[in-house]
Amino acid sequence: MSEQAKKEWLEWIKAIAIAVVLAFILRTFFFATSIVEGASMNPTLESGERVMFNKIIYYIDEPSYGDIVIIDRPVKNYVKRVIGKPNDTIEVRNHQLYVDGQKQEQNYLSEEAIMATRDFGPIKVPDNTYFVMGDNRAISKDSRNGLGFIKEEEIIGRTELIIYPFDEISLTQ
């Protein structure tokens, strides 16, 4: 093998090694993917869709109302929408969501999903926790039933993008 060919191979190996290290750093510290399981986030996210989530955003900022977040629990991860922040009072009355007594617009929900939301609360969100709900209110396991309040450290990222199936690639917010 000529000296030129050896140099070319070495350059290719270095480029591939740099790409692998860079991909590892991005996957570990900045972005990751998760698969949506079940229908609790329909129609926004459907079962089987793969979403990319931002892992670093909540080191810089805190979750906002309406963010679709990934929640890390021992058995599995959950994908839910942030409805209430620490010290908010959450209530659902006559199918309408209220945060601190203010009726909330839920443009991401269908009329059917709104009508399926049963009365709940009022309940105050404790310090350092969040109140989350799925968009498919009739069947969602969320802060109302089963998941309870979500500790700040359990929120590991905000969904940014649907990446699979390919014909449905889109932003989630």
N, C-alpha and C. Protein backbone atom coordinates (compact mmCIF):
# COMPACT_ATOMS: atom_id res chain seq x y z
N MET A 1 0.86 -1.17 0.00
CA MET A 1 0.00 0.00 0.00
C MET A 1 0.90 1.24 0.00
N SER A 2 0.56 2.19 -0.81
CA SER A 2 1.37 3.40 -0.92
C SER A 2 1.19 4.29 0.31
N GLU A 3 2.13 5.18 0.47
CA GLU A 3 2.07 6.12 1.59
C GLU A 3 0.82 7.00 1.50
N GLN A 4 0.45 7.40 0.28
CA GLN A 4 -0.75 8.23 0.06
C GLN A 4 -2.01 7.48 0.48
N ALA A 5 -2.11 6.21 0.14
CA ALA A 5 -3.27 5.39 0.49
C ALA A 5 -3.37 5.22 2.01
N LYS A 6 -2.22 5.02 2.67
CA LYS A 6 -2.22 4.90 4.14
C LYS A 6 -2.73 6.18 4.79
N LYS A 7 -2.27 7.32 4.30
CA LYS A 7 -2.73 8.61 4.84
C LYS A 7 -4.23 8.79 4.65
N GLU A 8 -4.71 8.38 3.47
CA GLU A 8 -6.15 8.50 3.20
C GLU A 8 -6.96 7.62 4.15
N TRP A 9 -6.51 6.40 4.37
CA TRP A 9 -7.19 5.50 5.31
C TRP A 9 -7.17 6.07 6.72
N LEU A 10 -6.06 6.61 7.12
CA LEU A 10 -5.93 7.21 8.44
C LEU A 10 -6.90 8.38 8.61
N GLU A 11 -7.02 9.20 7.58
CA GLU A 11 -7.96 10.33 7.62
C GLU A 11 -9.40 9.84 7.74
N TRP A 12 -9.74 8.79 7.00
CA TRP A 12 -11.09 8.23 7.10
C TRP A 12 -11.36 7.68 8.50
N ILE A 13 -10.41 6.98 9.05
CA ILE A 13 -10.57 6.41 10.40
C ILE A 13 -10.74 7.53 11.43
N LYS A 14 -9.94 8.59 11.32
CA LYS A 14 -10.08 9.72 12.25
C LYS A 14 -11.44 10.38 12.10
N ALA A 15 -11.91 10.56 10.88
CA ALA A 15 -13.22 11.20 10.65
C ALA A 15 -14.34 10.36 11.24
N ILE A 16 -14.29 9.06 11.05
CA ILE A 16 -15.31 8.17 11.61
C ILE A 16 -15.26 8.18 13.13
N ALA A 17 -14.06 8.15 13.71
CA ALA A 17 -13.92 8.18 15.18
C ALA A 17 -14.48 9.48 15.75
N ILE A 18 -14.20 10.60 15.10
CA ILE A 18 -14.72 11.89 15.56
C ILE A 18 -16.24 11.90 15.47
N ALA A 19 -16.79 11.36 14.39
CA ALA A 19 -18.26 11.31 14.23
C ALA A 19 -18.90 10.45 15.32
N VAL A 20 -18.29 9.32 15.63
CA VAL A 20 -18.83 8.43 16.67
C VAL A 20 -18.77 9.11 18.04
N VAL A 21 -17.67 9.75 18.37
CA VAL A 21 -17.54 10.44 19.65
C VAL A 21 -18.55 11.59 19.74
N LEU A 22 -18.67 12.36 18.67
CA LEU A 22 -19.62 13.46 18.64
C LEU A 22 -21.06 12.96 18.81
N ALA A 23 -21.41 11.88 18.12
CA ALA A 23 -22.75 11.30 18.25
C ALA A 23 -23.00 10.83 19.69
N PHE A 24 -22.00 10.21 20.29
CA PHE A 24 -22.12 9.76 21.69
C PHE A 24 -22.36 10.94 22.63
N ILE A 25 -21.61 12.01 22.46
CA ILE A 25 -21.77 13.20 23.32
C ILE A 25 -23.15 13.81 23.13
N LEU A 26 -23.58 13.96 21.89
CA LEU A 26 -24.92 14.53 21.63
C LEU A 26 -26.01 13.66 22.22
N ARG A 27 -25.91 12.35 22.03
CA ARG A 27 -26.94 11.42 22.54
C ARG A 27 -26.96 11.38 24.07
N THR A 28 -25.79 11.44 24.69
CA THR A 28 -25.70 11.34 26.14
C THR A 28 -26.13 12.61 26.85
N PHE A 29 -25.73 13.76 26.34
CA PHE A 29 -25.91 15.00 27.09
C PHE A 29 -26.94 15.96 26.51
N PHE A 30 -27.29 15.85 25.24
CA PHE A 30 -28.14 16.86 24.63
C PHE A 30 -29.48 16.34 24.11
N PHE A 31 -29.45 15.30 23.29
CA PHE A 31 -30.68 14.80 22.68
C PHE A 31 -30.75 13.29 22.80
N ALA A 32 -31.99 12.79 22.89
CA ALA A 32 -32.21 11.35 22.91
C ALA A 32 -33.56 11.10 22.25
N THR A 33 -33.87 9.84 22.05
CA THR A 33 -35.16 9.49 21.46
C THR A 33 -35.95 8.62 22.43
N SER A 34 -37.25 8.63 22.24
CA SER A 34 -38.15 7.81 23.04
C SER A 34 -39.30 7.37 22.15
N ILE A 35 -39.84 6.21 22.43
CA ILE A 35 -40.98 5.70 21.67
C ILE A 35 -42.24 5.93 22.50
N VAL A 36 -43.27 6.49 21.87
CA VAL A 36 -44.55 6.72 22.52
C VAL A 36 -45.27 5.38 22.62
N GLU A 37 -45.67 5.03 23.84
CA GLU A 37 -46.39 3.77 24.06
C GLU A 37 -47.79 4.09 24.54
N GLY A 38 -48.78 3.58 23.86
CA GLY A 38 -50.17 3.77 24.26
C GLY A 38 -50.80 5.00 23.64
N ALA A 39 -52.07 5.19 23.95
CA ALA A 39 -52.87 6.25 23.31
C ALA A 39 -53.09 7.46 24.22
N SER A 40 -52.36 7.59 25.32
CA SER A 40 -52.67 8.66 26.27
C SER A 40 -52.36 10.06 25.75
N MET A 41 -51.56 10.19 24.70
CA MET A 41 -51.24 11.51 24.15
C MET A 41 -51.92 11.76 22.79
N ASN A 42 -52.82 10.87 22.39
CA ASN A 42 -53.58 11.09 21.15
C ASN A 42 -54.40 12.36 21.28
N PRO A 43 -54.57 13.17 20.30
CA PRO A 43 -54.12 13.02 18.92
C PRO A 43 -52.74 13.64 18.67
N THR A 44 -52.14 14.28 19.66
CA THR A 44 -50.85 14.95 19.46
C THR A 44 -49.75 13.96 19.10
N LEU A 45 -49.64 12.90 19.87
CA LEU A 45 -48.66 11.84 19.62
C LEU A 45 -49.40 10.51 19.62
N GLU A 46 -49.03 9.64 18.69
CA GLU A 46 -49.69 8.34 18.58
C GLU A 46 -48.74 7.23 18.99
N SER A 47 -49.33 6.14 19.45
CA SER A 47 -48.53 4.99 19.87
C SER A 47 -47.63 4.54 18.73
N GLY A 48 -46.37 4.28 19.07
CA GLY A 48 -45.41 3.81 18.08
C GLY A 48 -44.56 4.91 17.47
N GLU A 49 -44.96 6.17 17.64
CA GLU A 49 -44.15 7.25 17.10
C GLU A 49 -42.88 7.38 17.93
N ARG A 50 -41.80 7.74 17.25
CA ARG A 50 -40.53 7.98 17.93
C ARG A 50 -40.33 9.48 17.97
N VAL A 51 -40.04 10.00 19.17
CA VAL A 51 -39.82 11.43 19.34
C VAL A 51 -38.38 11.69 19.79
N MET A 52 -37.86 12.83 19.36
CA MET A 52 -36.56 13.28 19.82
C MET A 52 -36.82 14.26 20.95
N PHE A 53 -36.08 14.12 22.04
CA PHE A 53 -36.28 15.07 23.14
C PHE A 53 -34.98 15.73 23.54
N ASN A 54 -35.13 16.96 24.01
CA ASN A 54 -34.03 17.83 24.41
C ASN A 54 -33.73 17.56 25.87
N LYS A 55 -32.55 17.03 26.17
CA LYS A 55 -32.18 16.67 27.54
C LYS A 55 -31.59 17.83 28.33
N ILE A 56 -31.09 18.83 27.64
CA ILE A 56 -30.37 19.90 28.33
C ILE A 56 -31.25 21.09 28.69
N ILE A 57 -32.41 21.21 28.07
CA ILE A 57 -33.25 22.41 28.21
C ILE A 57 -33.59 22.71 29.67
N TYR A 58 -33.86 21.70 30.48
CA TYR A 58 -34.29 21.96 31.85
C TYR A 58 -33.13 22.15 32.83
N TYR A 59 -31.90 22.10 32.34
CA TYR A 59 -30.76 22.56 33.13
C TYR A 59 -30.65 24.07 33.01
N ILE A 60 -31.17 24.59 31.90
CA ILE A 60 -31.11 26.02 31.59
C ILE A 60 -32.38 26.73 32.02
N ASP A 61 -33.52 26.09 31.86
CA ASP A 61 -34.83 26.68 32.08
C ASP A 61 -35.70 25.67 32.84
N GLU A 62 -36.90 26.08 33.19
CA GLU A 62 -37.83 25.16 33.87
C GLU A 62 -38.96 24.80 32.91
N PRO A 63 -39.64 23.67 33.17
CA PRO A 63 -40.76 23.31 32.31
C PRO A 63 -41.83 24.42 32.28
N SER A 64 -42.41 24.61 31.11
CA SER A 64 -43.45 25.62 30.92
C SER A 64 -44.79 24.94 30.70
N TYR A 65 -45.86 25.70 30.91
CA TYR A 65 -47.20 25.20 30.64
C TYR A 65 -47.27 24.74 29.19
N GLY A 66 -47.82 23.56 28.99
CA GLY A 66 -48.00 23.03 27.64
C GLY A 66 -46.83 22.24 27.10
N ASP A 67 -45.67 22.28 27.76
CA ASP A 67 -44.53 21.48 27.30
C ASP A 67 -44.90 20.00 27.34
N ILE A 68 -44.49 19.28 26.31
CA ILE A 68 -44.64 17.83 26.31
C ILE A 68 -43.31 17.28 26.81
N VAL A 69 -43.35 16.63 27.96
CA VAL A 69 -42.12 16.22 28.64
C VAL A 69 -41.99 14.71 28.73
N ILE A 70 -40.74 14.28 28.90
CA ILE A 70 -40.43 12.87 29.14
C ILE A 70 -40.19 12.74 30.64
N ILE A 71 -40.91 11.82 31.27
CA ILE A 71 -40.83 11.60 32.71
C ILE A 71 -40.16 10.25 32.96
N ASP A 72 -39.08 10.26 33.72
CA ASP A 72 -38.32 9.06 34.02
C ASP A 72 -38.83 8.43 35.29
N ARG A 73 -39.41 7.26 35.16
CA ARG A 73 -39.86 6.48 36.31
C ARG A 73 -39.15 5.13 36.27
N PRO A 74 -39.02 4.46 37.42
CA PRO A 74 -38.24 3.21 37.46
C PRO A 74 -38.67 2.14 36.45
N VAL A 75 -39.96 1.98 36.24
CA VAL A 75 -40.42 0.92 35.34
C VAL A 75 -40.36 1.34 33.88
N LYS A 76 -40.75 2.59 33.58
CA LYS A 76 -40.75 3.07 32.20
C LYS A 76 -40.80 4.58 32.17
N ASN A 77 -40.56 5.14 31.00
CA ASN A 77 -40.69 6.58 30.81
C ASN A 77 -42.11 6.89 30.34
N TYR A 78 -42.60 8.08 30.71
CA TYR A 78 -43.92 8.54 30.29
C TYR A 78 -43.76 9.83 29.50
N VAL A 79 -44.68 10.05 28.56
CA VAL A 79 -44.74 11.28 27.79
C VAL A 79 -46.05 11.96 28.17
N LYS A 80 -45.96 13.16 28.75
CA LYS A 80 -47.15 13.89 29.21
C LYS A 80 -46.98 15.39 28.98
N ARG A 81 -48.06 16.12 29.14
CA ARG A 81 -48.05 17.58 28.97
C ARG A 81 -48.08 18.26 30.33
N VAL A 82 -47.24 19.28 30.51
CA VAL A 82 -47.21 20.04 31.76
C VAL A 82 -48.47 20.91 31.83
N ILE A 83 -49.23 20.73 32.91
CA ILE A 83 -50.46 21.50 33.13
C ILE A 83 -50.28 22.47 34.28
N GLY A 84 -49.57 22.04 35.33
CA GLY A 84 -49.39 22.89 36.50
C GLY A 84 -47.97 22.89 37.01
N LYS A 85 -47.55 24.06 37.48
CA LYS A 85 -46.21 24.24 38.07
C LYS A 85 -46.32 24.26 39.59
N PRO A 86 -45.17 24.28 40.29
CA PRO A 86 -45.21 24.31 41.76
C PRO A 86 -46.08 25.45 42.28
N ASN A 87 -46.90 25.11 43.27
CA ASN A 87 -47.80 26.03 43.98
C ASN A 87 -49.03 26.46 43.19
N ASP A 88 -49.25 25.94 41.98
CA ASP A 88 -50.48 26.21 41.24
C ASP A 88 -51.63 25.41 41.86
N THR A 89 -52.83 25.90 41.69
CA THR A 89 -54.02 25.15 42.07
C THR A 89 -54.70 24.70 40.78
N ILE A 90 -54.87 23.38 40.65
CA ILE A 90 -55.43 22.77 39.44
C ILE A 90 -56.84 22.30 39.73
N GLU A 91 -57.72 22.58 38.78
CA GLU A 91 -59.11 22.12 38.91
C GLU A 91 -59.68 21.91 37.51
N VAL A 92 -60.49 20.86 37.38
CA VAL A 92 -61.29 20.65 36.18
C VAL A 92 -62.74 20.70 36.64
N ARG A 93 -63.48 21.63 36.04
CA ARG A 93 -64.88 21.83 36.39
C ARG A 93 -65.69 21.94 35.10
N ASN A 94 -66.73 21.14 34.97
CA ASN A 94 -67.57 21.14 33.76
C ASN A 94 -66.72 21.00 32.50
N HIS A 95 -65.79 20.07 32.53
CA HIS A 95 -64.91 19.74 31.41
C HIS A 95 -63.89 20.83 31.08
N GLN A 96 -63.78 21.86 31.88
CA GLN A 96 -62.85 22.95 31.61
C GLN A 96 -61.71 22.94 32.64
N LEU A 97 -60.50 23.16 32.15
CA LEU A 97 -59.31 23.18 33.00
C LEU A 97 -59.08 24.59 33.53
N TYR A 98 -58.84 24.68 34.85
CA TYR A 98 -58.53 25.95 35.49
C TYR A 98 -57.19 25.81 36.23
N VAL A 99 -56.33 26.80 36.05
CA VAL A 99 -55.08 26.89 36.80
C VAL A 99 -55.14 28.20 37.56
N ASP A 100 -55.08 28.10 38.89
CA ASP A 100 -55.21 29.26 39.76
C ASP A 100 -56.46 30.07 39.45
N GLY A 101 -57.55 29.34 39.18
CA GLY A 101 -58.84 29.98 38.93
C GLY A 101 -59.03 30.53 37.53
N GLN A 102 -58.01 30.46 36.69
CA GLN A 102 -58.09 30.99 35.32
C GLN A 102 -58.36 29.85 34.34
N LYS A 103 -59.44 29.99 33.55
CA LYS A 103 -59.76 28.99 32.54
C LYS A 103 -58.63 28.96 31.50
N GLN A 104 -58.20 27.73 31.16
CA GLN A 104 -57.09 27.54 30.24
C GLN A 104 -57.58 27.17 28.84
N GLU A 105 -57.01 27.81 27.84
CA GLU A 105 -57.25 27.42 26.45
C GLU A 105 -56.42 26.18 26.18
N GLN A 106 -57.04 25.18 25.59
CA GLN A 106 -56.35 23.93 25.29
C GLN A 106 -56.49 23.63 23.80
N ASN A 107 -55.90 24.47 22.97
CA ASN A 107 -56.04 24.36 21.52
C ASN A 107 -55.53 23.04 20.97
N TYR A 108 -54.69 22.36 21.71
CA TYR A 108 -54.12 21.09 21.27
C TYR A 108 -55.09 19.93 21.45
N LEU A 109 -56.23 20.17 22.13
CA LEU A 109 -57.21 19.12 22.37
C LEU A 109 -58.39 19.22 21.42
N SER A 110 -58.94 18.07 21.07
CA SER A 110 -60.18 18.05 20.30
C SER A 110 -61.34 18.33 21.25
N GLU A 111 -62.46 18.69 20.70
CA GLU A 111 -63.66 18.93 21.52
C GLU A 111 -64.03 17.65 22.27
N GLU A 112 -63.84 16.51 21.60
CA GLU A 112 -64.14 15.22 22.22
C GLU A 112 -63.27 14.99 23.46
N ALA A 113 -61.98 15.31 23.36
CA ALA A 113 -61.06 15.14 24.48
C ALA A 113 -61.43 16.08 25.63
N ILE A 114 -61.81 17.30 25.30
CA ILE A 114 -62.23 18.25 26.34
C ILE A 114 -63.46 17.71 27.07
N MET A 115 -64.42 17.21 26.31
CA MET A 115 -65.66 16.70 26.91
C MET A 115 -65.43 15.43 27.72
N ALA A 116 -64.33 14.71 27.44
CA ALA A 116 -64.01 13.49 28.18
C ALA A 116 -63.29 13.78 29.50
N THR A 117 -62.91 15.05 29.73
CA THR A 117 -62.19 15.41 30.95
C THR A 117 -63.18 15.53 32.09
N ARG A 118 -63.04 14.65 33.07
CA ARG A 118 -63.95 14.64 34.21
C ARG A 118 -63.51 15.65 35.27
N ASP A 119 -64.45 16.04 36.11
CA ASP A 119 -64.15 16.99 37.18
C ASP A 119 -63.05 16.44 38.08
N PHE A 120 -62.20 17.35 38.54
CA PHE A 120 -61.06 16.98 39.37
C PHE A 120 -60.67 18.19 40.21
N GLY A 121 -60.25 17.91 41.44
CA GLY A 121 -59.70 18.99 42.28
C GLY A 121 -60.77 19.85 42.92
N PRO A 122 -60.38 21.02 43.39
CA PRO A 122 -59.08 21.67 43.25
C PRO A 122 -58.00 21.00 44.11
N ILE A 123 -56.78 21.05 43.59
CA ILE A 123 -55.64 20.48 44.28
C ILE A 123 -54.44 21.39 44.05
N LYS A 124 -53.65 21.59 45.10
CA LYS A 124 -52.48 22.46 45.00
C LYS A 124 -51.23 21.62 44.69
N VAL A 125 -50.45 22.09 43.74
CA VAL A 125 -49.22 21.40 43.35
C VAL A 125 -48.13 21.75 44.36
N PRO A 126 -47.53 20.74 45.01
CA PRO A 126 -46.48 21.01 46.01
C PRO A 126 -45.21 21.61 45.39
N ASP A 127 -44.38 22.18 46.24
CA ASP A 127 -43.08 22.71 45.81
C ASP A 127 -42.29 21.64 45.08
N ASN A 128 -41.49 22.06 44.10
CA ASN A 128 -40.58 21.20 43.34
C ASN A 128 -41.26 20.05 42.62
N THR A 129 -42.55 20.19 42.33
CA THR A 129 -43.27 19.17 41.57
C THR A 129 -44.12 19.84 40.49
N TYR A 130 -44.55 19.00 39.55
CA TYR A 130 -45.38 19.46 38.43
C TYR A 130 -46.60 18.56 38.31
N PHE A 131 -47.65 19.11 37.71
CA PHE A 131 -48.87 18.39 37.45
C PHE A 131 -48.94 18.17 35.95
N VAL A 132 -49.07 16.90 35.52
CA VAL A 132 -49.09 16.58 34.10
C VAL A 132 -50.35 15.82 33.73
N MET A 133 -50.76 15.95 32.47
CA MET A 133 -51.89 15.20 31.96
C MET A 133 -51.58 14.76 30.53
N GLY A 134 -52.21 13.66 30.13
CA GLY A 134 -52.15 13.25 28.73
C GLY A 134 -53.21 13.99 27.94
N ASP A 135 -53.04 14.07 26.64
CA ASP A 135 -54.02 14.76 25.81
C ASP A 135 -55.28 13.94 25.59
N ASN A 136 -55.19 12.63 25.74
CA ASN A 136 -56.36 11.77 25.63
C ASN A 136 -56.90 11.58 27.05
N ARG A 137 -57.61 12.58 27.52
CA ARG A 137 -57.99 12.69 28.93
C ARG A 137 -58.82 11.53 29.46
N ALA A 138 -59.57 10.86 28.60
CA ALA A 138 -60.45 9.78 29.07
C ALA A 138 -59.66 8.56 29.54
N ILE A 139 -58.47 8.32 28.97
CA ILE A 139 -57.74 7.10 29.30
C ILE A 139 -56.35 7.33 29.87
N SER A 140 -55.92 8.58 29.96
CA SER A 140 -54.54 8.86 30.35
C SER A 140 -54.26 8.56 31.82
N LYS A 141 -53.16 7.85 32.05
CA LYS A 141 -52.61 7.69 33.40
C LYS A 141 -51.71 8.90 33.60
N ASP A 142 -52.08 9.79 34.52
CA ASP A 142 -51.32 11.03 34.69
C ASP A 142 -51.40 11.49 36.14
N SER A 143 -51.19 12.76 36.40
CA SER A 143 -51.16 13.26 37.78
C SER A 143 -52.51 13.10 38.49
N ARG A 144 -53.58 12.97 37.76
CA ARG A 144 -54.89 12.77 38.38
C ARG A 144 -55.07 11.36 38.92
N ASN A 145 -54.41 10.39 38.30
CA ASN A 145 -54.70 9.00 38.63
C ASN A 145 -53.52 8.08 38.33
N GLY A 146 -52.68 7.85 39.25
CA GLY A 146 -51.61 6.88 39.05
C GLY A 146 -50.20 7.44 39.07
N LEU A 147 -49.95 8.52 38.35
CA LEU A 147 -48.59 9.07 38.35
C LEU A 147 -48.35 10.02 39.51
N GLY A 148 -49.40 10.70 39.93
CA GLY A 148 -49.24 11.68 41.01
C GLY A 148 -48.44 12.88 40.55
N PHE A 149 -47.97 13.66 41.50
CA PHE A 149 -47.16 14.83 41.17
C PHE A 149 -45.80 14.36 40.68
N ILE A 150 -45.25 15.09 39.73
CA ILE A 150 -43.98 14.71 39.11
C ILE A 150 -42.87 15.58 39.69
N LYS A 151 -41.88 14.93 40.29
CA LYS A 151 -40.75 15.67 40.85
C LYS A 151 -39.93 16.31 39.72
N GLU A 152 -39.37 17.46 40.01
CA GLU A 152 -38.61 18.19 39.00
C GLU A 152 -37.50 17.32 38.39
N GLU A 153 -36.82 16.53 39.21
CA GLU A 153 -35.72 15.72 38.71
C GLU A 153 -36.18 14.53 37.87
N GLU A 154 -37.47 14.21 37.92
CA GLU A 154 -38.00 13.12 37.10
C GLU A 154 -38.26 13.56 35.65
N ILE A 155 -38.32 14.85 35.42
CA ILE A 155 -38.52 15.37 34.07
C ILE A 155 -37.16 15.44 33.41
N ILE A 156 -36.95 14.55 32.42
CA ILE A 156 -35.61 14.44 31.84
C ILE A 156 -35.49 15.11 30.48
N GLY A 157 -36.56 15.68 29.97
CA GLY A 157 -36.44 16.37 28.69
C GLY A 157 -37.77 16.83 28.15
N ARG A 158 -37.69 17.66 27.12
CA ARG A 158 -38.88 18.19 26.43
C ARG A 158 -38.86 17.65 25.00
N THR A 159 -40.00 17.09 24.57
CA THR A 159 -40.06 16.59 23.20
C THR A 159 -39.99 17.76 22.24
N GLU A 160 -39.24 17.55 21.19
CA GLU A 160 -39.03 18.60 20.19
C GLU A 160 -39.54 18.21 18.82
N LEU A 161 -39.46 16.92 18.49
CA LEU A 161 -39.65 16.52 17.11
C LEU A 161 -40.14 15.08 17.03
N ILE A 162 -41.13 14.85 16.17
CA ILE A 162 -41.52 13.48 15.83
C ILE A 162 -40.59 13.07 14.69
N ILE A 163 -39.83 11.98 14.89
CA ILE A 163 -38.87 11.59 13.86
C ILE A 163 -39.23 10.29 13.16
N TYR A 164 -40.24 9.58 13.64
CA TYR A 164 -40.67 8.36 12.99
C TYR A 164 -42.14 8.12 13.33
N PRO A 165 -42.97 7.71 12.41
CA PRO A 165 -42.68 7.37 11.02
C PRO A 165 -42.28 8.60 10.20
N PHE A 166 -41.48 8.35 9.18
CA PHE A 166 -40.89 9.43 8.41
C PHE A 166 -41.90 10.36 7.76
N ASP A 167 -43.06 9.84 7.40
CA ASP A 167 -44.07 10.70 6.75
C ASP A 167 -44.77 11.62 7.74
N GLU A 168 -44.46 11.49 9.03
CA GLU A 168 -45.07 12.34 10.04
C GLU A 168 -44.04 13.20 10.78
N ILE A 169 -42.86 13.39 10.20
CA ILE A 169 -41.83 14.21 10.83
C ILE A 169 -42.39 15.63 11.03
N SER A 170 -42.37 16.08 12.28
CA SER A 170 -42.90 17.42 12.60
C SER A 170 -42.47 17.83 13.99
N LEU A 171 -42.59 19.12 14.28
CA LEU A 171 -42.34 19.63 15.63
C LEU A 171 -43.51 19.25 16.52
N THR A 172 -43.24 18.99 17.80
CA THR A 172 -44.31 18.58 18.72
C THR A 172 -44.95 19.74 19.45
N GLN A 173 -44.32 20.89 19.54
CA GLN A 173 -44.88 22.01 20.28
C GLN A 173 -45.82 22.72 19.38
